[in-house]
N, C-alpha and C. Protein backbone atom coordinates (compact mmCIF):
# COMPACT_ATOMS: atom_id res chain seq x y z
N MET A 1 68.04 88.79 43.81
CA MET A 1 69.11 89.78 43.86
C MET A 1 69.73 89.77 45.25
N PRO A 2 71.06 89.79 45.34
CA PRO A 2 71.71 89.75 46.64
C PRO A 2 71.39 90.98 47.47
N SER A 3 71.43 90.80 48.77
CA SER A 3 71.19 91.92 49.67
C SER A 3 72.50 92.65 49.92
N ASP A 4 72.57 93.42 51.00
CA ASP A 4 73.76 94.20 51.28
C ASP A 4 74.92 93.35 51.81
N ILE A 5 74.73 92.06 52.00
CA ILE A 5 75.82 91.20 52.45
C ILE A 5 76.89 91.11 51.36
N ALA A 6 76.50 90.86 50.14
CA ALA A 6 77.41 90.80 49.00
C ALA A 6 76.93 91.80 47.96
N ARG A 7 77.89 92.38 47.25
CA ARG A 7 77.52 93.33 46.21
C ARG A 7 78.26 92.99 44.92
N ILE A 8 77.69 93.39 43.81
CA ILE A 8 78.26 93.11 42.49
C ILE A 8 78.68 94.42 41.86
N GLN A 9 79.89 94.44 41.33
CA GLN A 9 80.42 95.64 40.70
C GLN A 9 80.77 95.34 39.25
N LYS A 10 80.31 96.18 38.35
CA LYS A 10 80.60 96.05 36.92
C LYS A 10 81.90 96.78 36.63
N GLN A 11 82.80 96.12 35.88
CA GLN A 11 84.09 96.73 35.54
C GLN A 11 84.41 96.50 34.07
N GLN A 12 85.25 97.37 33.52
CA GLN A 12 85.74 97.24 32.14
C GLN A 12 87.20 96.81 32.20
N THR A 13 87.56 95.82 31.39
CA THR A 13 88.96 95.43 31.29
C THR A 13 89.67 96.38 30.32
N LYS A 14 90.99 96.27 30.25
CA LYS A 14 91.76 97.11 29.33
C LYS A 14 91.37 96.88 27.88
N SER A 15 90.94 95.65 27.59
CA SER A 15 90.53 95.34 26.21
C SER A 15 89.11 95.81 25.90
N GLY A 16 88.41 96.32 26.92
CA GLY A 16 87.06 96.82 26.71
C GLY A 16 85.96 95.85 27.06
N ALA A 17 86.32 94.65 27.46
CA ALA A 17 85.32 93.66 27.84
C ALA A 17 84.72 94.01 29.21
N THR A 18 83.48 93.64 29.40
CA THR A 18 82.81 93.88 30.67
C THR A 18 82.92 92.63 31.54
N ILE A 19 83.33 92.82 32.79
CA ILE A 19 83.36 91.72 33.76
C ILE A 19 82.64 92.18 35.02
N TYR A 20 82.26 91.22 35.84
CA TYR A 20 81.57 91.51 37.09
C TYR A 20 82.37 90.94 38.25
N VAL A 21 82.42 91.70 39.34
CA VAL A 21 83.18 91.34 40.53
C VAL A 21 82.23 91.29 41.71
N VAL A 22 82.33 90.24 42.53
CA VAL A 22 81.52 90.11 43.74
C VAL A 22 82.38 90.51 44.93
N LYS A 23 81.86 91.39 45.78
CA LYS A 23 82.58 91.85 46.97
C LYS A 23 81.70 91.62 48.19
N TRP A 24 82.34 91.22 49.30
CA TRP A 24 81.62 91.03 50.56
C TRP A 24 82.59 91.16 51.71
N ARG A 25 82.05 91.23 52.92
CA ARG A 25 82.86 91.32 54.13
C ARG A 25 82.68 90.06 54.95
N THR A 26 83.79 89.62 55.54
CA THR A 26 83.74 88.48 56.44
C THR A 26 83.29 88.96 57.81
N PRO A 27 82.90 88.04 58.70
CA PRO A 27 82.46 88.45 60.03
C PRO A 27 83.51 89.24 60.81
N ASP A 28 84.79 89.02 60.52
CA ASP A 28 85.84 89.77 61.22
C ASP A 28 86.13 91.12 60.57
N GLY A 29 85.38 91.48 59.52
CA GLY A 29 85.50 92.79 58.89
C GLY A 29 86.44 92.85 57.69
N ALA A 30 87.07 91.74 57.33
CA ALA A 30 87.97 91.73 56.18
C ALA A 30 87.17 91.75 54.88
N ASP A 31 87.68 92.46 53.90
CA ASP A 31 87.03 92.50 52.58
C ASP A 31 87.47 91.31 51.75
N ARG A 32 86.53 90.73 51.05
CA ARG A 32 86.82 89.62 50.13
C ARG A 32 86.30 90.00 48.75
N THR A 33 86.98 89.52 47.72
CA THR A 33 86.60 89.82 46.35
C THR A 33 86.81 88.58 45.49
N LYS A 34 85.88 88.34 44.60
CA LYS A 34 85.99 87.27 43.60
C LYS A 34 85.53 87.89 42.29
N GLY A 35 86.40 87.88 41.31
CA GLY A 35 86.07 88.56 40.07
C GLY A 35 86.22 87.71 38.84
N GLY A 36 86.00 88.34 37.71
CA GLY A 36 86.18 87.69 36.43
C GLY A 36 84.95 87.02 35.88
N PHE A 37 83.78 87.33 36.43
CA PHE A 37 82.55 86.73 35.91
C PHE A 37 82.16 87.45 34.63
N SER A 38 81.85 86.69 33.60
CA SER A 38 81.54 87.31 32.30
C SER A 38 80.09 87.80 32.23
N THR A 39 79.23 87.27 33.10
CA THR A 39 77.83 87.72 33.10
C THR A 39 77.41 88.12 34.51
N ARG A 40 76.45 89.03 34.57
CA ARG A 40 75.91 89.44 35.86
C ARG A 40 75.19 88.26 36.54
N LYS A 41 74.59 87.40 35.72
CA LYS A 41 73.89 86.23 36.25
C LYS A 41 74.85 85.31 37.00
N ALA A 42 76.04 85.08 36.44
CA ALA A 42 77.03 84.23 37.09
C ALA A 42 77.53 84.88 38.39
N ALA A 43 77.75 86.19 38.35
CA ALA A 43 78.18 86.90 39.56
C ALA A 43 77.09 86.85 40.62
N ASN A 44 75.84 86.99 40.21
CA ASN A 44 74.72 86.92 41.14
C ASN A 44 74.62 85.54 41.79
N ALA A 45 74.86 84.49 41.01
CA ALA A 45 74.81 83.13 41.55
C ALA A 45 75.91 82.93 42.60
N TYR A 46 77.09 83.47 42.35
CA TYR A 46 78.18 83.36 43.30
C TYR A 46 77.87 84.16 44.56
N ALA A 47 77.32 85.37 44.39
CA ALA A 47 76.96 86.21 45.54
C ALA A 47 75.91 85.50 46.40
N THR A 48 75.01 84.78 45.78
CA THR A 48 73.99 84.04 46.51
C THR A 48 74.64 82.94 47.36
N LYS A 49 75.68 82.28 46.82
CA LYS A 49 76.40 81.26 47.60
C LYS A 49 77.08 81.88 48.82
N VAL A 50 77.68 83.05 48.61
CA VAL A 50 78.34 83.76 49.71
C VAL A 50 77.33 84.09 50.81
N GLU A 51 76.20 84.64 50.40
CA GLU A 51 75.16 85.03 51.37
C GLU A 51 74.58 83.83 52.09
N ALA A 52 74.37 82.75 51.36
CA ALA A 52 73.82 81.54 51.99
C ALA A 52 74.77 81.02 53.07
N GLY A 53 76.05 81.05 52.78
CA GLY A 53 77.04 80.63 53.77
C GLY A 53 77.03 81.51 55.00
N LYS A 54 76.92 82.82 54.80
CA LYS A 54 76.89 83.74 55.94
C LYS A 54 75.64 83.52 56.79
N LEU A 55 74.52 83.27 56.15
CA LEU A 55 73.27 83.05 56.89
C LEU A 55 73.31 81.75 57.69
N ARG A 56 74.07 80.76 57.19
CA ARG A 56 74.24 79.50 57.91
C ARG A 56 75.33 79.60 58.96
N GLY A 57 76.08 80.70 58.95
CA GLY A 57 77.17 80.86 59.90
C GLY A 57 78.46 80.24 59.42
N VAL A 58 78.60 80.06 58.11
CA VAL A 58 79.79 79.46 57.52
C VAL A 58 80.45 80.52 56.64
N GLU A 59 81.73 80.78 56.88
CA GLU A 59 82.45 81.75 56.05
C GLU A 59 82.80 81.12 54.72
N PHE A 60 82.55 81.84 53.64
CA PHE A 60 82.81 81.34 52.29
C PHE A 60 84.15 81.86 51.83
N ASP A 61 85.08 80.97 51.48
CA ASP A 61 86.42 81.36 51.06
C ASP A 61 86.57 81.09 49.56
N PRO A 62 86.73 82.14 48.74
CA PRO A 62 86.81 81.93 47.29
C PRO A 62 88.04 81.16 46.86
N ARG A 63 89.08 81.13 47.67
CA ARG A 63 90.29 80.38 47.31
C ARG A 63 90.06 78.88 47.37
N GLN A 64 88.99 78.47 48.04
CA GLN A 64 88.67 77.05 48.13
C GLN A 64 87.48 76.69 47.25
N ALA A 65 87.27 77.46 46.20
CA ALA A 65 86.19 77.26 45.23
C ALA A 65 84.84 77.22 45.94
N ALA A 66 84.10 76.13 45.82
CA ALA A 66 82.76 76.07 46.38
C ALA A 66 82.74 75.52 47.80
N SER A 67 83.91 75.31 48.41
CA SER A 67 83.97 74.75 49.75
C SER A 67 83.98 75.85 50.80
N PRO A 68 83.21 75.70 51.88
CA PRO A 68 83.28 76.68 52.95
C PRO A 68 84.59 76.55 53.71
N SER A 69 85.12 77.66 54.23
CA SER A 69 86.40 77.62 54.93
C SER A 69 86.25 77.24 56.39
N ALA A 70 85.05 77.38 56.93
CA ALA A 70 84.82 77.04 58.33
C ALA A 70 83.85 75.87 58.38
N LYS A 71 84.01 75.05 59.37
CA LYS A 71 83.11 73.91 59.50
C LYS A 71 81.78 74.36 60.09
N ARG A 72 80.73 73.69 59.68
CA ARG A 72 79.42 74.00 60.23
C ARG A 72 79.38 73.66 61.70
N GLN A 73 78.63 74.45 62.44
CA GLN A 73 78.46 74.16 63.85
C GLN A 73 77.38 73.09 63.98
N ARG A 74 77.65 72.13 64.82
CA ARG A 74 76.66 71.08 65.04
C ARG A 74 75.69 71.51 66.11
N HIS A 75 74.47 71.12 65.94
CA HIS A 75 73.41 71.49 66.87
C HIS A 75 73.02 70.33 67.77
N GLY A 76 73.99 69.51 68.09
CA GLY A 76 73.71 68.37 68.96
C GLY A 76 73.49 67.10 68.18
N SER A 77 73.71 66.01 68.81
CA SER A 77 73.55 64.72 68.17
C SER A 77 72.13 64.20 68.36
N ARG A 78 71.60 63.57 67.37
CA ARG A 78 70.26 62.99 67.47
C ARG A 78 70.35 61.46 67.62
N ALA A 79 71.54 60.98 67.89
CA ALA A 79 71.70 59.54 68.04
C ALA A 79 70.90 59.03 69.23
N GLY A 80 70.27 57.96 69.04
CA GLY A 80 69.50 57.34 70.12
C GLY A 80 68.08 57.84 70.23
N THR A 81 67.66 58.76 69.37
CA THR A 81 66.27 59.23 69.43
C THR A 81 65.46 58.48 68.38
N THR A 82 64.22 58.32 68.63
CA THR A 82 63.37 57.62 67.69
C THR A 82 62.38 58.52 67.05
């Protein structure tokens, strides 16, 4: 289950169908939302991706599907080591 980094909200559409929306905040404080998940399990999987990116220091941008919007920081080159 996701922690307080991302949260899942259950909503009803006008037709009465249930959908789930994932909400989270970026490091700069902006709110992000990705919705339209038909199951809580699918929303939870997406929330887990968002949280994993934040823990790695990579901002997750839903407009770019599964691609992170920021490049990973490199921790130095290991070239030349044995």
